[in-house]
PDB file of N, CA and C in Angstrom:
ATOM      1  N   UNK A   1       0.847  -1.174   0.000  1.00  0.00           N
ATOM      2  CA  UNK A   1       0.000   0.000   0.000  1.00  0.00           C
ATOM      3  C   UNK A   1       0.892   1.236   0.000  1.00  0.00           C
ATOM      4  N   UNK A   2       0.613   2.144  -0.928  1.00  0.00           N
ATOM      5  CA  UNK A   2       1.412   3.361  -0.984  1.00  0.00           C
ATOM      6  C   UNK A   2       0.988   4.311   0.119  1.00  0.00           C
ATOM      7  N   UNK A   3       1.811   5.296   0.353  1.00  0.00           N
ATOM      8  CA  UNK A   3       1.562   6.193   1.459  1.00  0.00           C
ATOM      9  C   UNK A   3       0.645   7.344   1.102  1.00  0.00           C
ATOM     10  N   UNK A   4       0.398   8.107   2.108  1.00  0.00           N
ATOM     11  CA  UNK A   4      -0.374   9.323   1.957  1.00  0.00           C
ATOM     12  C   UNK A   4       0.270  10.380   2.851  1.00  0.00           C
ATOM     13  N   UNK A   5      -0.165  11.595   2.678  1.00  0.00           N
ATOM     14  CA  UNK A   5       0.364  12.690   3.470  1.00  0.00           C
ATOM     15  C   UNK A   5      -0.702  13.166   4.438  1.00  0.00           C
ATOM     16  N   UNK A   6      -0.366  13.231   5.714  1.00  0.00           N
ATOM     17  CA  UNK A   6      -1.279  13.790   6.708  1.00  0.00           C
ATOM     18  C   UNK A   6      -1.198  15.310   6.609  1.00  0.00           C
ATOM     19  N   UNK A   7      -2.318  15.932   6.342  1.00  0.00           N
ATOM     20  CA  UNK A   7      -2.378  17.378   6.183  1.00  0.00           C
ATOM     21  C   UNK A   7      -2.983  17.965   7.456  1.00  0.00           C
ATOM     22  N   UNK A   8      -2.197  18.750   8.186  1.00  0.00           N
ATOM     23  CA  UNK A   8      -2.609  19.186   9.520  1.00  0.00           C
ATOM     24  C   UNK A   8      -2.920  20.673   9.626  1.00  0.00           C
ATOM     25  N   UNK A   9      -2.956  21.354   8.499  1.00  0.00           N
ATOM     26  CA  UNK A   9      -3.364  22.761   8.503  1.00  0.00           C
ATOM     27  C   UNK A   9      -3.960  23.083   7.139  1.00  0.00           C
ATOM     28  N   UNK A  10      -4.729  24.144   7.078  1.00  0.00           N
ATOM     29  CA  UNK A  10      -5.321  24.527   5.793  1.00  0.00           C
ATOM     30  C   UNK A  10      -4.230  24.951   4.817  1.00  0.00           C
ATOM     31  N   UNK A  11      -3.152  25.517   5.331  1.00  0.00           N
ATOM     32  CA  UNK A  11      -2.028  25.897   4.474  1.00  0.00           C
ATOM     33  C   UNK A  11      -1.387  24.659   3.850  1.00  0.00           C
ATOM     34  N   UNK A  12      -1.246  23.598   4.644  1.00  0.00           N
ATOM     35  CA  UNK A  12      -0.696  22.345   4.110  1.00  0.00           C
ATOM     36  C   UNK A  12      -1.592  21.786   3.012  1.00  0.00           C
ATOM     37  N   UNK A  13      -2.913  21.865   3.204  1.00  0.00           N
ATOM     38  CA  UNK A  13      -3.856  21.377   2.190  1.00  0.00           C
ATOM     39  C   UNK A  13      -3.672  22.168   0.897  1.00  0.00           C
ATOM     40  N   UNK A  14      -3.635  23.481   1.015  1.00  0.00           N
ATOM     41  CA  UNK A  14      -3.471  24.338  -0.169  1.00  0.00           C
ATOM     42  C   UNK A  14      -2.157  24.040  -0.890  1.00  0.00           C
ATOM     43  N   UNK A  15      -1.066  23.942  -0.121  1.00  0.00           N
ATOM     44  CA  UNK A  15       0.235  23.653  -0.717  1.00  0.00           C
ATOM     45  C   UNK A  15       0.248  22.289  -1.398  1.00  0.00           C
ATOM     46  N   UNK A  16      -0.354  21.303  -0.756  1.00  0.00           N
ATOM     47  CA  UNK A  16      -0.410  19.951  -1.311  1.00  0.00           C
ATOM     48  C   UNK A  16      -1.097  19.982  -2.676  1.00  0.00           C
ATOM     49  N   UNK A  17      -2.225  20.669  -2.750  1.00  0.00           N
ATOM     50  CA  UNK A  17      -2.977  20.753  -4.008  1.00  0.00           C
ATOM     51  C   UNK A  17      -2.165  21.509  -5.062  1.00  0.00           C
ATOM     52  N   UNK A  18      -1.536  22.605  -4.662  1.00  0.00           N
ATOM     53  CA  UNK A  18      -0.772  23.415  -5.613  1.00  0.00           C
ATOM     54  C   UNK A  18       0.495  22.726  -6.095  1.00  0.00           C
ATOM     55  N   UNK A  19       1.052  21.815  -5.295  1.00  0.00           N
ATOM     56  CA  UNK A  19       2.317  21.170  -5.640  1.00  0.00           C
ATOM     57  C   UNK A  19       2.169  19.850  -6.394  1.00  0.00           C
ATOM     58  N   UNK A  20       0.940  19.409  -6.626  1.00  0.00           N
ATOM     59  CA  UNK A  20       0.728  18.149  -7.338  1.00  0.00           C
ATOM     60  C   UNK A  20      -0.285  18.359  -8.466  1.00  0.00           C
ATOM     61  N   UNK A  21       0.050  17.796  -9.608  1.00  0.00           N
ATOM     62  CA  UNK A  21      -0.857  17.920 -10.751  1.00  0.00           C
ATOM     63  C   UNK A  21      -2.196  17.250 -10.445  1.00  0.00           C
ATOM     64  N   UNK A  22      -2.153  16.075  -9.831  1.00  0.00           N
ATOM     65  CA  UNK A  22      -3.377  15.386  -9.422  1.00  0.00           C
ATOM     66  C   UNK A  22      -3.276  15.074  -7.937  1.00  0.00           C
ATOM     67  N   UNK A  23      -4.245  15.569  -7.186  1.00  0.00           N
ATOM     68  CA  UNK A  23      -4.249  15.326  -5.751  1.00  0.00           C
ATOM     69  C   UNK A  23      -5.620  14.846  -5.315  1.00  0.00           C
ATOM     70  N   UNK A  24      -5.617  13.868  -4.437  1.00  0.00           N
ATOM     71  CA  UNK A  24      -6.835  13.300  -3.883  1.00  0.00           C
ATOM     72  C   UNK A  24      -6.844  13.655  -2.402  1.00  0.00           C
ATOM     73  N   UNK A  25      -7.865  14.374  -1.974  1.00  0.00           N
ATOM     74  CA  UNK A  25      -7.976  14.804  -0.586  1.00  0.00           C
ATOM     75  C   UNK A  25      -9.096  14.016   0.078  1.00  0.00           C
ATOM     76  N   UNK A  26      -8.756  13.328   1.153  1.00  0.00           N
ATOM     77  CA  UNK A  26      -9.720  12.546   1.928  1.00  0.00           C
ATOM     78  C   UNK A  26      -9.960  13.301   3.232  1.00  0.00           C
ATOM     79  N   UNK A  27     -11.187  13.776   3.407  1.00  0.00           N
ATOM     80  CA  UNK A  27     -11.543  14.559   4.587  1.00  0.00           C
ATOM     81  C   UNK A  27     -12.404  13.696   5.490  1.00  0.00           C
ATOM     82  N   UNK A  28     -11.969  13.539   6.727  1.00  0.00           N
ATOM     83  CA  UNK A  28     -12.678  12.680   7.674  1.00  0.00           C
ATOM     84  C   UNK A  28     -12.752  13.373   9.025  1.00  0.00           C
ATOM     85  N   UNK A  29     -13.355  12.683   9.973  1.00  0.00           N
ATOM     86  CA  UNK A  29     -13.337  13.179  11.355  1.00  0.00           C
ATOM     87  C   UNK A  29     -13.093  12.002  12.284  1.00  0.00           C
ATOM     88  N   UNK A  30     -12.660  12.306  13.490  1.00  0.00           N
ATOM     89  CA  UNK A  30     -12.251  11.267  14.428  1.00  0.00           C
ATOM     90  C   UNK A  30     -13.392  10.349  14.843  1.00  0.00           C
ATOM     91  N   UNK A  31     -14.584  10.880  14.990  1.00  0.00           N
ATOM     92  CA  UNK A  31     -15.711  10.087  15.485  1.00  0.00           C
ATOM     93  C   UNK A  31     -16.608   9.543  14.390  1.00  0.00           C
ATOM     94  N   UNK A  32     -16.112   9.503  13.174  1.00  0.00           N
ATOM     95  CA  UNK A  32     -16.897   9.039  12.026  1.00  0.00           C
ATOM     96  C   UNK A  32     -16.564   7.582  11.730  1.00  0.00           C
ATOM     97  N   UNK A  33     -17.486   6.686  12.067  1.00  0.00           N
ATOM     98  CA  UNK A  33     -17.222   5.264  11.834  1.00  0.00           C
ATOM     99  C   UNK A  33     -17.156   4.947  10.345  1.00  0.00           C
ATOM    100  N   UNK A  34     -17.963   5.611   9.539  1.00  0.00           N
ATOM    101  CA  UNK A  34     -17.921   5.390   8.085  1.00  0.00           C
ATOM    102  C   UNK A  34     -16.550   5.775   7.538  1.00  0.00           C
ATOM    103  N   UNK A  35     -16.003   6.882   8.047  1.00  0.00           N
ATOM    104  CA  UNK A  35     -14.679   7.343   7.598  1.00  0.00           C
ATOM    105  C   UNK A  35     -13.616   6.272   7.802  1.00  0.00           C
ATOM    106  N   UNK A  36     -13.670   5.627   8.954  1.00  0.00           N
ATOM    107  CA  UNK A  36     -12.663   4.620   9.293  1.00  0.00           C
ATOM    108  C   UNK A  36     -12.822   3.345   8.468  1.00  0.00           C
ATOM    109  N   UNK A  37     -14.037   3.044   8.036  1.00  0.00           N
ATOM    110  CA  UNK A  37     -14.287   1.862   7.200  1.00  0.00           C
ATOM    111  C   UNK A  37     -13.908   2.131   5.747  1.00  0.00           C
ATOM    112  N   UNK A  38     -14.226   3.316   5.262  1.00  0.00           N
ATOM    113  CA  UNK A  38     -14.009   3.647   3.850  1.00  0.00           C
ATOM    114  C   UNK A  38     -12.528   3.905   3.542  1.00  0.00           C
ATOM    115  N   UNK A  39     -11.791   4.497   4.470  1.00  0.00           N
ATOM    116  CA  UNK A  39     -10.403   4.892   4.225  1.00  0.00           C
ATOM    117  C   UNK A  39      -9.522   3.763   3.695  1.00  0.00           C
ATOM    118  N   UNK A  40      -9.486   2.582   4.307  1.00  0.00           N
ATOM    119  CA  UNK A  40      -8.619   1.520   3.757  1.00  0.00           C
ATOM    120  C   UNK A  40      -9.023   1.107   2.339  1.00  0.00           C
ATOM    121  N   UNK A  41     -10.303   1.136   2.061  1.00  0.00           N
ATOM    122  CA  UNK A  41     -10.769   0.786   0.707  1.00  0.00           C
ATOM    123  C   UNK A  41     -10.305   1.825  -0.303  1.00  0.00           C
ATOM    124  N   UNK A  42     -10.383   3.084   0.074  1.00  0.00           N
ATOM    125  CA  UNK A  42      -9.925   4.159  -0.803  1.00  0.00           C
ATOM    126  C   UNK A  42      -8.419   4.041  -1.027  1.00  0.00           C
ATOM    127  N   UNK A  43      -7.664   3.771   0.026  1.00  0.00           N
ATOM    128  CA  UNK A  43      -6.215   3.601  -0.112  1.00  0.00           C
ATOM    129  C   UNK A  43      -5.887   2.467  -1.079  1.00  0.00           C
ATOM    130  N   UNK A  44      -6.571   1.340  -0.925  1.00  0.00           N
ATOM    131  CA  UNK A  44      -6.317   0.202  -1.817  1.00  0.00           C
ATOM    132  C   UNK A  44      -6.621   0.571  -3.265  1.00  0.00           C
ATOM    133  N   UNK A  45      -7.723   1.268  -3.486  1.00  0.00           N
ATOM    134  CA  UNK A  45      -8.099   1.679  -4.836  1.00  0.00           C
ATOM    135  C   UNK A  45      -7.061   2.640  -5.416  1.00  0.00           C
ATOM    136  N   UNK A  46      -6.648   3.607  -4.631  1.00  0.00           N
ATOM    137  CA  UNK A  46      -5.713   4.617  -5.132  1.00  0.00           C
ATOM    138  C   UNK A  46      -4.314   4.064  -5.370  1.00  0.00           C
ATOM    139  N   UNK A  47      -4.006   2.911  -4.818  1.00  0.00           N
ATOM    140  CA  UNK A  47      -2.725   2.257  -5.111  1.00  0.00           C
ATOM    141  C   UNK A  47      -2.589   1.973  -6.609  1.00  0.00           C
ATOM    142  N   UNK A  48      -3.720   1.854  -7.296  1.00  0.00           N
ATOM    143  CA  UNK A  48      -3.719   1.578  -8.738  1.00  0.00           C
ATOM    144  C   UNK A  48      -3.401   2.828  -9.564  1.00  0.00           C
ATOM    145  N   UNK A  49      -3.319   3.984  -8.920  1.00  0.00           N
ATOM    146  CA  UNK A  49      -3.123   5.249  -9.619  1.00  0.00           C
ATOM    147  C   UNK A  49      -1.925   5.994  -9.004  1.00  0.00           C
ATOM    148  N   UNK A  50      -0.711   5.553  -9.322  1.00  0.00           N
ATOM    149  CA  UNK A  50       0.468   6.158  -8.692  1.00  0.00           C
ATOM    150  C   UNK A  50       0.665   7.634  -9.049  1.00  0.00           C
ATOM    151  N   UNK A  51       0.020   8.100 -10.102  1.00  0.00           N
ATOM    152  CA  UNK A  51       0.155   9.498 -10.498  1.00  0.00           C
ATOM    153  C   UNK A  51      -0.698  10.436  -9.641  1.00  0.00           C
ATOM    154  N   UNK A  52      -1.559   9.857  -8.794  1.00  0.00           N
ATOM    155  CA  UNK A  52      -2.404  10.657  -7.908  1.00  0.00           C
ATOM    156  C   UNK A  52      -1.775  10.685  -6.523  1.00  0.00           C
ATOM    157  N   UNK A  53      -1.540  11.874  -6.001  1.00  0.00           N
ATOM    158  CA  UNK A  53      -0.985  12.047  -4.663  1.00  0.00           C
ATOM    159  C   UNK A  53      -2.134  12.162  -3.672  1.00  0.00           C
ATOM    160  N   UNK A  54      -2.025  11.429  -2.576  1.00  0.00           N
ATOM    161  CA  UNK A  54      -3.125  11.313  -1.622  1.00  0.00           C
ATOM    162  C   UNK A  54      -2.807  12.072  -0.340  1.00  0.00           C
ATOM    163  N   UNK A  55      -3.740  12.910   0.067  1.00  0.00           N
ATOM    164  CA  UNK A  55      -3.633  13.635   1.322  1.00  0.00           C
ATOM    165  C   UNK A  55      -4.856  13.368   2.175  1.00  0.00           C
ATOM    166  N   UNK A  56      -4.653  13.257   3.472  1.00  0.00           N
ATOM    167  CA  UNK A  56      -5.745  12.997   4.406  1.00  0.00           C
ATOM    168  C   UNK A  56      -5.829  14.144   5.402  1.00  0.00           C
ATOM    169  N   UNK A  57      -7.053  14.617   5.627  1.00  0.00           N
ATOM    170  CA  UNK A  57      -7.279  15.751   6.518  1.00  0.00           C
ATOM    171  C   UNK A  57      -8.326  15.365   7.558  1.00  0.00           C
ATOM    172  N   UNK A  58      -8.049  15.661   8.806  1.00  0.00           N
ATOM    173  CA  UNK A  58      -9.014  15.470   9.885  1.00  0.00           C
ATOM    174  C   UNK A  58      -9.756  16.796  10.067  1.00  0.00           C
ATOM    175  N   UNK A  59     -11.039  16.804   9.731  1.00  0.00           N
ATOM    176  CA  UNK A  59     -11.843  18.030   9.798  1.00  0.00           C
ATOM    177  C   UNK A  59     -12.023  18.523  11.230  1.00  0.00           C
ATOM    178  N   UNK A  60     -11.806  17.650  12.211  1.00  0.00           N
ATOM    179  CA  UNK A  60     -11.876  18.084  13.603  1.00  0.00           C
ATOM    180  C   UNK A  60     -10.660  18.941  13.967  1.00  0.00           C
ATOM    181  N   UNK A  61      -9.517  18.644  13.358  1.00  0.00           N
ATOM    182  CA  UNK A  61      -8.286  19.381  13.642  1.00  0.00           C
ATOM    183  C   UNK A  61      -8.096  20.579  12.714  1.00  0.00           C
ATOM    184  N   UNK A  62      -8.539  20.439  11.472  1.00  0.00           N
ATOM    185  CA  UNK A  62      -8.407  21.504  10.473  1.00  0.00           C
ATOM    186  C   UNK A  62      -9.822  21.971  10.117  1.00  0.00           C
ATOM    187  N   UNK A  63     -10.391  22.752  10.997  1.00  0.00           N
ATOM    188  CA  UNK A  63     -11.800  23.147  10.854  1.00  0.00           C
ATOM    189  C   UNK A  63     -12.073  23.963   9.595  1.00  0.00           C
ATOM    190  N   UNK A  64     -11.076  24.703   9.111  1.00  0.00           N
ATOM    191  CA  UNK A  64     -11.262  25.533   7.921  1.00  0.00           C
ATOM    192  C   UNK A  64     -11.503  24.717   6.656  1.00  0.00           C
ATOM    193  N   UNK A  65     -11.120  23.451   6.657  1.00  0.00           N
ATOM    194  CA  UNK A  65     -11.227  22.644   5.448  1.00  0.00           C
ATOM    195  C   UNK A  65     -12.691  22.487   5.012  1.00  0.00           C
ATOM    196  N   UNK A  66     -13.599  22.395   5.969  1.00  0.00           N
ATOM    197  CA  UNK A  66     -15.020  22.240   5.623  1.00  0.00           C
ATOM    198  C   UNK A  66     -15.536  23.471   4.886  1.00  0.00           C
ATOM    199  N   UNK A  67     -15.190  24.641   5.359  1.00  0.00           N
ATOM    200  CA  UNK A  67     -15.634  25.860   4.710  1.00  0.00           C
ATOM    201  C   UNK A  67     -14.973  26.094   3.369  1.00  0.00           C
ATOM    202  N   UNK A  68     -13.691  25.834   3.305  1.00  0.00           N
ATOM    203  CA  UNK A  68     -12.956  26.092   2.059  1.00  0.00           C
ATOM    204  C   UNK A  68     -13.411  25.186   0.920  1.00  0.00           C
ATOM    205  N   UNK A  69     -13.771  23.940   1.255  1.00  0.00           N
ATOM    206  CA  UNK A  69     -14.149  22.988   0.210  1.00  0.00           C
ATOM    207  C   UNK A  69     -15.643  22.646   0.233  1.00  0.00           C
ATOM    208  N   UNK A  70     -16.414  23.403   0.984  1.00  0.00           N
ATOM    209  CA  UNK A  70     -17.868  23.210   1.077  1.00  0.00           C
ATOM    210  C   UNK A  70     -18.225  21.759   1.405  1.00  0.00           C
ATOM    211  N   UNK A  71     -17.655  21.280   2.481  1.00  0.00           N
ATOM    212  CA  UNK A  71     -17.888  19.914   2.940  1.00  0.00           C
ATOM    213  C   UNK A  71     -18.936  19.947   4.048  1.00  0.00           C
ATOM    214  N   UNK A  72     -20.035  19.232   3.829  1.00  0.00           N
ATOM    215  CA  UNK A  72     -21.131  19.205   4.801  1.00  0.00           C
ATOM    216  C   UNK A  72     -21.246  17.875   5.518  1.00  0.00           C
ATOM    217  N   UNK A  73     -20.591  16.861   4.983  1.00  0.00           N
ATOM    218  CA  UNK A  73     -20.597  15.546   5.613  1.00  0.00           C
ATOM    219  C   UNK A  73     -19.268  14.855   5.319  1.00  0.00           C
ATOM    220  N   UNK A  74     -18.891  13.951   6.197  1.00  0.00           N
ATOM    221  CA  UNK A  74     -17.660  13.191   5.997  1.00  0.00           C
ATOM    222  C   UNK A  74     -17.986  11.702   5.962  1.00  0.00           C
ATOM    223  N   UNK A  75     -17.155  10.913   5.319  1.00  0.00           N
ATOM    224  CA  UNK A  75     -15.966  11.336   4.608  1.00  0.00           C
ATOM    225  C   UNK A  75     -16.320  12.067   3.315  1.00  0.00           C
ATOM    226  N   UNK A  76     -15.471  12.996   2.964  1.00  0.00           N
ATOM    227  CA  UNK A  76     -15.558  13.688   1.687  1.00  0.00           C
ATOM    228  C   UNK A  76     -14.271  13.400   0.933  1.00  0.00           C
ATOM    229  N   UNK A  77     -14.402  13.115  -0.336  1.00  0.00           N
ATOM    230  CA  UNK A  77     -13.261  12.787  -1.169  1.00  0.00           C
ATOM    231  C   UNK A  77     -13.254  13.689  -2.379  1.00  0.00           C
ATOM    232  N   UNK A  78     -12.141  14.352  -2.591  1.00  0.00           N
ATOM    233  CA  UNK A  78     -12.013  15.282  -3.700  1.00  0.00           C
ATOM    234  C   UNK A  78     -10.794  14.921  -4.525  1.00  0.00           C
ATOM    235  N   UNK A  79     -10.987  14.790  -5.813  1.00  0.00           N
ATOM    236  CA  UNK A  79      -9.855  14.647  -6.720  1.00  0.00           C
ATOM    237  C   UNK A  79      -9.722  15.974  -7.441  1.00  0.00           C
ATOM    238  N   UNK A  80      -8.531  16.548  -7.357  1.00  0.00           N
ATOM    239  CA  UNK A  80      -8.268  17.824  -8.003  1.00  0.00           C
ATOM    240  C   UNK A  80      -7.174  17.655  -9.042  1.00  0.00           C
ATOM    241  N   UNK A  81      -7.397  18.237 -10.196  1.00  0.00           N
ATOM    242  CA  UNK A  81      -6.401  18.245 -11.257  1.00  0.00           C
ATOM    243  C   UNK A  81      -5.994  19.673 -11.518  1.00  0.00           C
ATOM    244  N   UNK A  82      -4.725  19.969 -11.332  1.00  0.00           N
ATOM    245  CA  UNK A  82      -4.228  21.338 -11.476  1.00  0.00           C
ATOM    246  C   UNK A  82      -5.074  22.321 -10.672  1.00  0.00           C
ATOM    247  N   UNK A  83      -5.466  21.904  -9.470  1.00  0.00           N
ATOM    248  CA  UNK A  83      -6.215  22.764  -8.562  1.00  0.00           C
ATOM    249  C   UNK A  83      -7.709  22.827  -8.803  1.00  0.00           C
ATOM    250  N   UNK A  84      -8.190  22.175  -9.858  1.00  0.00           N
ATOM    251  CA  UNK A  84      -9.627  22.199 -10.164  1.00  0.00           C
ATOM    252  C   UNK A  84     -10.273  20.888  -9.755  1.00  0.00           C
ATOM    253  N   UNK A  85     -11.452  20.998  -9.156  1.00  0.00           N
ATOM    254  CA  UNK A  85     -12.151  19.808  -8.698  1.00  0.00           C
ATOM    255  C   UNK A  85     -12.647  18.988  -9.887  1.00  0.00           C
ATOM    256  N   UNK A  86     -12.266  17.707  -9.897  1.00  0.00           N
ATOM    257  CA  UNK A  86     -12.669  16.795 -10.962  1.00  0.00           C
ATOM    258  C   UNK A  86     -13.689  15.772 -10.477  1.00  0.00           C
ATOM    259  N   UNK A  87     -13.534  15.331  -9.235  1.00  0.00           N
ATOM    260  CA  UNK A  87     -14.434  14.337  -8.636  1.00  0.00           C
ATOM    261  C   UNK A  87     -14.714  14.766  -7.210  1.00  0.00           C
ATOM    262  N   UNK A  88     -15.970  14.570  -6.795  1.00  0.00           N
ATOM    263  CA  UNK A  88     -16.352  14.782  -5.396  1.00  0.00           C
ATOM    264  C   UNK A  88     -17.282  13.637  -5.014  1.00  0.00           C
ATOM    265  N   UNK A  89     -16.931  12.965  -3.943  1.00  0.00           N
ATOM    266  CA  UNK A  89     -17.773  11.902  -3.385  1.00  0.00           C
ATOM    267  C   UNK A  89     -17.913  12.157  -1.890  1.00  0.00           C
ATOM    268  N   UNK A  90     -19.059  11.820  -1.348  1.00  0.00           N
ATOM    269  CA  UNK A  90     -19.319  12.020   0.072  1.00  0.00           C
ATOM    270  C   UNK A  90     -19.969  10.797   0.683  1.00  0.00           C
ATOM    271  N   UNK A  91     -19.746  10.644   1.967  1.00  0.00           N
ATOM    272  CA  UNK A  91     -20.381   9.673   2.848  1.00  0.00           C
ATOM    273  C   UNK A  91     -20.254   8.241   2.336  1.00  0.00           C
ATOM    274  N   UNK A  92     -21.306   7.698   1.773  1.00  0.00           N
ATOM    275  CA  UNK A  92     -21.288   6.305   1.316  1.00  0.00           C
ATOM    276  C   UNK A  92     -20.875   6.272  -0.150  1.00  0.00           C
ATOM    277  N   UNK A  93     -19.751   5.659  -0.411  1.00  0.00           N
ATOM    278  CA  UNK A  93     -19.177   5.663  -1.745  1.00  0.00           C
ATOM    279  C   UNK A  93     -19.108   4.244  -2.267  1.00  0.00           C
ATOM    280  N   UNK A  94     -19.563   4.068  -3.492  1.00  0.00           N
ATOM    281  CA  UNK A  94     -19.390   2.771  -4.150  1.00  0.00           C
ATOM    282  C   UNK A  94     -18.022   2.788  -4.814  1.00  0.00           C
ATOM    283  N   UNK A  95     -17.165   1.920  -4.366  1.00  0.00           N
ATOM    284  CA  UNK A  95     -15.788   1.897  -4.857  1.00  0.00           C
ATOM    285  C   UNK A  95     -15.739   1.657  -6.368  1.00  0.00           C
ATOM    286  N   UNK A  96     -16.643   0.851  -6.872  1.00  0.00           N
ATOM    287  CA  UNK A  96     -16.679   0.584  -8.316  1.00  0.00           C
ATOM    288  C   UNK A  96     -16.974   1.868  -9.088  1.00  0.00           C
ATOM    289  N   UNK A  97     -17.899   2.680  -8.598  1.00  0.00           N
ATOM    290  CA  UNK A  97     -18.211   3.955  -9.256  1.00  0.00           C
ATOM    291  C   UNK A  97     -17.019   4.907  -9.198  1.00  0.00           C
ATOM    292  N   UNK A  98     -16.370   4.963  -8.039  1.00  0.00           N
ATOM    293  CA  UNK A  98     -15.199   5.824  -7.904  1.00  0.00           C
ATOM    294  C   UNK A  98     -14.091   5.360  -8.843  1.00  0.00           C
ATOM    295  N   UNK A  99     -13.890   4.056  -8.949  1.00  0.00           N
ATOM    296  CA  UNK A  99     -12.871   3.514  -9.851  1.00  0.00           C
ATOM    297  C   UNK A  99     -13.186   3.890 -11.296  1.00  0.00           C
ATOM    298  N   UNK A 100     -14.451   3.781 -11.699  1.00  0.00           N
ATOM    299  CA  UNK A 100     -14.836   4.153 -13.065  1.00  0.00           C
ATOM    300  C   UNK A 100     -14.549   5.626 -13.343  1.00  0.00           C
ATOM    301  N   UNK A 101     -14.825   6.481 -12.385  1.00  0.00           N
ATOM    302  CA  UNK A 101     -14.544   7.904 -12.552  1.00  0.00           C
ATOM    303  C   UNK A 101     -13.041   8.157 -12.660  1.00  0.00           C
ATOM    304  N   UNK A 102     -12.271   7.495 -11.814  1.00  0.00           N
ATOM    305  CA  UNK A 102     -10.818   7.653 -11.865  1.00  0.00           C
ATOM    306  C   UNK A 102     -10.259   7.143 -13.199  1.00  0.00           C
ATOM    307  N   UNK A 103     -10.792   6.016 -13.680  1.00  0.00           N
ATOM    308  CA  UNK A 103     -10.344   5.473 -14.970  1.00  0.00           C
ATOM    309  C   UNK A 103     -10.605   6.459 -16.099  1.00  0.00           C
ATOM    310  N   UNK A 104     -11.767   7.082 -16.091  1.00  0.00           N
ATOM    311  CA  UNK A 104     -12.111   8.043 -17.142  1.00  0.00           C
ATOM    312  C   UNK A 104     -11.168   9.238 -17.135  1.00  0.00           C
ATOM    313  N   UNK A 105     -10.869   9.735 -15.968  1.00  0.00           N
ATOM    314  CA  UNK A 105     -10.002  10.909 -15.848  1.00  0.00           C
ATOM    315  C   UNK A 105      -8.562  10.570 -16.190  1.00  0.00           C
ATOM    316  N   UNK A 106      -8.133   9.355 -15.909  1.00  0.00           N
ATOM    317  CA  UNK A 106      -6.733   8.967 -16.095  1.00  0.00           C
ATOM    318  C   UNK A 106      -6.457   8.280 -17.411  1.00  0.00           C
ATOM    319  N   UNK A 107      -7.327   8.410 -18.371  1.00  0.00           N
ATOM    320  CA  UNK A 107      -7.100   7.796 -19.685  1.00  0.00           C
ATOM    321  C   UNK A 107      -6.077   8.571 -20.473  1.00  0.00           C
TER     322      UNK A 107
END
């Protein structure tokens, strides 16, 4: 399993997005059971896309992330290409659907 970057401030999130052509941001919270179940599945899926850099943000610690990215529920998953949002998924995600979207973008 490839790694990810823990993003612990809104500045780190912004820099991460600006420094990578394709960045996947996983926004979760500490008390979200769905977040903890979905995260390993997302990591396994993203292992198939080495060109996508993965960052994880705890919305409880980085409160500004919800406002900046208009996140109303967690987990929230954003794929950004050159700083522009390409994919947004929230809460209950079908991994097959997410994979199809990633395949389309990465052709």
